[in-house]
Protein backbone atom coordinates (compact mmCIF):
# COMPACT_ATOMS: atom_id res chain seq x y z
CA MET A 1 0.00 0.00 0.00
CA ASN A 2 2.78 2.34 0.81
CA ARG A 3 4.34 1.73 -2.58
CA LEU A 4 1.00 2.32 -4.33
CA ALA A 5 0.47 5.49 -2.33
CA ARG A 6 3.84 6.83 -3.36
CA VAL A 7 3.15 6.05 -7.03
CA ALA A 8 -0.23 7.77 -6.83
CA ALA A 9 1.35 10.84 -5.24
CA LEU A 10 3.99 11.02 -7.95
CA LEU A 11 1.36 10.73 -10.66
CA THR A 12 -0.67 13.50 -9.06
CA VAL A 13 2.33 15.84 -8.96
CA ALA A 14 3.23 14.98 -12.56
CA LEU A 15 -0.28 15.63 -13.78
CA GLY A 16 -0.42 18.91 -11.83
CA VAL A 17 2.68 20.10 -13.66
CA LEU A 18 1.70 18.85 -17.09
CA VAL A 19 -1.96 19.87 -17.22
CA PRO A 20 -1.40 23.67 -17.29
CA LEU A 21 1.23 23.30 -20.03
CA ALA A 22 -0.63 20.83 -22.27
CA PRO A 23 -3.28 23.18 -23.70
CA ALA A 24 -0.64 25.69 -24.81
CA SER A 25 1.11 23.15 -27.04
CA ALA A 26 -1.94 21.15 -28.13
CA GLY A 27 -4.35 24.00 -28.86
CA ALA A 28 -1.95 26.52 -30.41
CA ASP A 29 -2.69 27.42 -34.05
CA PRO A 30 -0.51 29.78 -36.13
CA ILE A 31 -2.34 33.10 -36.58
CA GLY A 32 0.52 35.28 -37.84
CA GLY A 33 4.22 35.98 -37.80
CA VAL A 34 6.76 38.11 -36.00
CA ILE A 35 9.64 40.33 -37.05
CA VAL A 36 12.84 40.17 -35.04
CA ILE A 37 14.29 43.51 -33.88
CA PRO A 38 17.11 44.01 -34.56
CA GLY A 39 16.96 41.84 -37.65
CA SER A 40 20.73 41.40 -37.61
CA GLY A 41 22.83 41.42 -34.45
CA ASN A 42 24.95 39.60 -31.93
CA ASP A 43 24.41 37.46 -28.84
CA LEU A 44 24.48 40.53 -26.58
CA ASN A 45 21.64 42.40 -28.32
CA GLU A 46 18.42 42.93 -26.38
CA ILE A 47 15.89 41.32 -28.70
CA ARG A 48 12.22 42.12 -29.08
CA VAL A 49 9.77 40.77 -31.63
CA ARG A 50 6.71 42.54 -33.08
CA THR A 51 3.67 40.41 -33.83
CA SER A 52 1.86 40.88 -37.13
CA ALA A 53 -1.51 41.42 -35.39
CA GLY A 54 -3.17 41.50 -32.01
CA CYS A 55 -4.11 38.47 -29.95
CA PRO A 56 -7.64 37.03 -30.16
CA ALA A 57 -10.15 38.64 -27.81
CA LYS A 58 -10.26 35.61 -25.48
CA ALA A 59 -6.54 35.87 -24.67
CA ASP A 60 -5.63 38.03 -21.69
CA ALA A 61 -1.88 37.28 -21.67
CA PHE A 62 1.01 35.99 -23.75
CA TYR A 63 4.41 34.34 -23.42
CA ALA A 64 7.20 33.32 -25.82
CA LYS A 65 9.42 30.28 -26.31
CA MET A 66 12.40 29.51 -28.52
CA LYS A 67 13.46 26.11 -29.86
CA GLY A 68 16.86 25.35 -31.31
CA HIS A 69 20.32 23.81 -30.89
CA ASP A 70 20.79 22.42 -27.34
CA PHE A 71 17.71 24.24 -26.00
CA PRO A 72 15.11 22.25 -24.02
CA PRO A 73 12.90 19.96 -26.17
CA GLY A 74 9.80 21.89 -25.08
CA GLY A 75 11.49 25.18 -25.88
CA GLN A 76 13.40 27.79 -23.92
CA LEU A 77 11.09 30.28 -22.19
CA VAL A 78 12.27 33.71 -23.39
CA THR A 79 9.26 35.82 -22.30
CA ALA A 80 7.31 34.96 -19.15
CA ASN A 81 3.52 34.83 -18.96
CA THR A 82 2.37 38.47 -18.86
CA SER A 83 -0.37 40.85 -19.96
CA ALA A 84 1.88 43.93 -20.06
CA GLY A 85 1.89 45.43 -23.54
CA LEU A 86 -0.79 43.07 -24.89
CA SER A 87 -2.98 44.26 -27.76
CA HIS A 88 -6.08 42.76 -29.37
CA SER A 89 -6.27 45.20 -32.30
CA PHE A 90 -2.71 45.64 -33.65
CA GLY A 91 0.74 44.08 -33.52
CA PHE A 92 2.54 44.42 -30.17
CA ASP A 93 6.07 44.06 -28.80
CA VAL A 94 7.37 40.97 -26.99
CA TYR A 95 10.67 41.41 -25.13
CA PHE A 96 13.15 38.62 -24.40
CA LEU A 97 14.00 38.36 -20.69
CA LEU A 98 17.73 37.80 -21.34
CA VAL A 99 20.23 38.21 -24.15
CA MET A 100 21.03 35.13 -26.23
CA ARG A 101 24.45 34.66 -24.62
CA ASP A 102 22.74 34.14 -21.26
CA TYR A 103 20.42 31.49 -22.71
CA ALA A 104 23.45 29.73 -24.21
CA ARG A 105 25.21 29.82 -20.84
CA ASP A 106 22.14 28.49 -19.00
CA ASN A 107 21.93 25.56 -21.42
CA HIS A 108 25.71 24.97 -21.44
CA THR A 109 25.90 25.29 -25.21
CA THR A 110 27.30 27.34 -28.05
CA LEU A 111 24.80 29.16 -30.24
CA GLY A 112 24.52 27.92 -33.79
CA GLY A 113 21.99 27.20 -36.50
CA ARG A 114 18.28 27.99 -36.64
CA TYR A 115 16.12 29.00 -33.67
CA ASP A 116 12.32 29.12 -33.96
CA ILE A 117 10.35 31.66 -31.93
CA ALA A 118 6.69 31.28 -30.94
CA VAL A 119 4.56 33.89 -29.14
CA PHE A 120 1.49 32.28 -27.55
CA CYS A 121 -1.76 34.21 -26.89
CA VAL A 122 -3.15 32.50 -23.81
CA ASP A 123 -5.48 32.52 -20.87
CA SER A 124 -3.33 33.83 -18.05
CA VAL A 125 -4.57 31.18 -15.56
CA THR A 126 -5.04 27.98 -17.56
CA LEU A 127 -2.44 28.82 -20.26
CA GLN A 128 -4.91 27.67 -22.90
CA SER A 129 -3.59 29.00 -26.18
CA TYR A 130 -5.82 30.85 -28.66
CA GLY A 131 -3.14 31.12 -31.32
CA GLU A 132 0.57 31.77 -31.88
CA PHE A 133 2.82 34.07 -33.87
CA THR A 134 5.97 32.48 -35.27
CA GLY A 135 9.32 33.52 -36.73
CA SER A 136 12.94 32.36 -36.90
CA LEU A 137 16.51 33.55 -36.69
CA GLU A 138 19.81 31.84 -37.45
CA PHE A 139 23.19 32.08 -35.75
CA ILE A 140 25.70 31.97 -38.59
CA SER A 141 28.44 32.14 -35.95
CA PRO A 142 28.35 31.70 -32.16
CA SER A 143 27.99 35.44 -31.70
CA HIS A 144 26.15 36.71 -34.82
CA TYR A 145 22.59 36.07 -35.96
CA GLU A 146 20.32 37.03 -38.87
CA ALA A 147 16.52 36.95 -38.90
CA ILE A 148 15.17 34.54 -41.51
CA GLY A 149 12.61 35.27 -44.23
CA ALA A 150 9.58 37.28 -43.19
CA ALA A 151 11.02 37.69 -39.69
CA LYS A 152 13.65 40.10 -41.03
CA PRO A 153 12.39 43.74 -40.96
CA THR A 154 12.33 45.66 -44.23
CA GLY A 155 13.43 49.25 -43.95
CA THR A 156 13.58 50.96 -40.59
CA PRO A 157 12.21 48.71 -37.80
CA PRO A 158 9.15 50.09 -35.98
CA PRO A 159 9.96 51.90 -32.73
CA PRO A 160 8.87 50.33 -29.42
CA LEU A 161 5.23 50.79 -28.47
CA ALA A 162 4.32 52.72 -25.35
CA GLN A 163 1.97 51.31 -22.74
CA ALA A 164 -1.50 52.69 -22.12
CA PRO A 165 -2.56 53.50 -18.52
CA ASP A 166 -4.19 50.07 -18.20
CA GLY A 167 -0.92 48.31 -19.11
CA SER A 168 -1.95 47.34 -22.65
CA ALA A 169 -0.06 48.48 -25.73
CA ALA A 170 -0.78 52.01 -26.88
CA PRO A 171 -1.56 52.42 -30.60
CA PRO A 172 1.40 53.29 -32.83
CA GLU A 173 1.89 57.01 -33.18
CA THR A 174 1.10 58.60 -36.52
CA VAL A 175 4.21 59.15 -38.54
CA PRO A 176 4.64 62.81 -39.55
CA PRO A 177 4.90 63.49 -43.32
CA PRO A 178 8.43 63.67 -44.76
CA VAL A 179 10.08 67.07 -44.90
CA GLY A 180 9.12 68.92 -48.08
CA THR A 181 5.66 67.42 -48.52
CA LEU A 182 2.56 69.56 -48.42
CA SER A 183 1.19 69.86 -44.93
CA ARG A 184 -1.41 72.49 -45.73
CA PRO A 185 -4.24 72.72 -48.33
CA ARG A 186 -3.06 73.24 -51.88
CA PRO A 187 -3.88 76.62 -53.53
CA ILE A 188 -6.82 76.64 -55.95
CA LYS A 189 -5.64 76.93 -59.55
CA GLY A 190 -6.96 79.86 -61.64
CA PRO A 191 -6.34 83.57 -62.36
CA ALA A 192 -5.43 85.68 -59.41
CA GLN A 193 -8.20 87.94 -58.26
CA SER A 194 -7.76 91.11 -56.31
CA PRO A 195 -9.77 91.22 -53.16
CA VAL A 196 -12.86 93.40 -53.35
CA VAL A 197 -12.63 96.22 -50.84
CA SER A 198 -15.77 98.19 -50.22
CA ALA A 199 -15.28 101.92 -49.98
CA PRO A 200 -16.18 103.42 -46.63
CA THR A 201 -19.46 105.29 -46.56
CA ALA A 202 -19.07 108.94 -45.64
CA GLN A 203 -21.32 110.08 -42.85
CA ALA A 204 -22.18 113.64 -42.06
CA PRO A 205 -21.27 114.88 -38.57
CA SER A 206 -24.12 115.02 -36.13
CA GLY A 207 -25.93 118.37 -36.12
CA VAL A 208 -24.87 119.33 -39.69
CA ASP A 209 -27.35 119.15 -42.54
CA PRO A 210 -26.14 117.08 -45.47
CA PRO A 211 -25.43 119.05 -48.67
CA SER A 212 -28.16 119.19 -51.29
CA PRO A 213 -27.82 117.03 -54.41
CA SER A 214 -27.46 120.16 -56.61
CA ALA A 215 -24.54 121.40 -54.58
CA VAL A 216 -22.91 118.04 -54.73
CA GLY A 217 -23.43 117.98 -58.51
CA GLN A 218 -21.95 121.46 -58.83
CA ARG A 219 -18.81 120.49 -56.89
CA THR A 220 -18.35 117.33 -58.86
CA SER A 221 -18.62 119.27 -62.16
CA GLU A 222 -16.01 121.87 -61.22
CA PRO A 223 -12.99 119.72 -62.12
CA ASN A 224 -14.43 119.26 -65.64
CA ASP A 225 -14.78 123.10 -66.10
CA ALA A 226 -11.16 123.63 -65.11
CA THR A 227 -9.93 121.16 -67.69
CA GLY A 228 -12.40 121.98 -70.55
CA GLN A 229 -14.67 125.01 -70.92
CA GLY A 230 -12.69 127.18 -68.45
CA VAL A 231 -9.61 127.08 -70.72
CA ALA A 232 -11.62 128.42 -73.73
CA TRP A 233 -12.93 131.39 -71.72
CA LEU A 234 -9.41 132.29 -70.62
CA ILE A 235 -8.17 132.30 -74.25
CA ALA A 236 -11.05 134.54 -75.35
CA ALA A 237 -10.42 137.02 -72.53
CA GLY A 238 -6.73 137.17 -73.44
CA ALA A 239 -7.57 137.91 -77.07
CA VAL A 240 -9.82 140.80 -76.04
CA LEU A 241 -7.06 142.30 -73.89
CA VAL A 242 -4.53 142.03 -76.71
CA ALA A 243 -6.93 143.66 -79.18
CA GLY A 244 -7.63 146.53 -76.79
CA THR A 245 -3.91 147.11 -76.28
CA VAL A 246 -3.27 147.21 -80.06
CA ILE A 247 -6.08 149.71 -80.60
CA ALA A 248 -4.80 151.96 -77.80
CA VAL A 249 -1.27 151.99 -79.21
CA ALA A 250 -2.59 152.82 -82.73
CA ASN A 251 -4.61 155.82 -81.45
CA ARG A 252 -1.55 157.26 -79.68
CA MET A 253 0.55 157.02 -82.86
CA ARG A 254 -2.13 158.88 -84.87
CA LYS A 255 -2.26 161.72 -82.35
CA ARG A 256 1.49 162.18 -82.54
CA ARG A 257 1.46 162.37 -86.34
CA SER A 258 -1.28 164.97 -86.36
């Protein structure tokens, strides 16, 4: 009986350890990929991966494992079970706990060959997986790696995401337009038009009667007289004065002769 009791106890402990981990491996379905940041580096780089989408709505946490040369058969845990930085609507960042050199030291191995990464979207208590994001990197030497295929970022890697007040991932910030691009409305094409400015309306001072329309008409016609008819009258008057002077001079000459 004692021997049976001990066997039963051992089985109970074994099942207690295995049950929480079984759903994560059995129920995990690929739902996307990851990019490795940096996509090329060494065994001392702090690595993070960005998932291609958010976790399913049922998941309230995530963790990550890596499988490869001399790592545990079930995978090396590189990100512990956490909800910090989780997103359900867009890709989020998953940070490795240690640098790769530390994982090599813990497993008493030298890094080399391909390592597969899996980020599991899980229930934080039961560890039931609702899907996983996968990607790979390869150590082409014990100290240098390159991300493989779609896991290698194209162009500038996305910057780290901030955390919202509730601990989830904050949406990526909008990237400002490149320098030199239009950041204001374009001008409307067409001929330039001068702005129409309305002339101020003259107002008579209080207590003074406004001028009559005839007086206003007379003042407005005066400039025309000065430039037209007024000149003709001045010429005629000058001619009369000249004629009178000629006649006066002629009469004086006649008196002297007589």
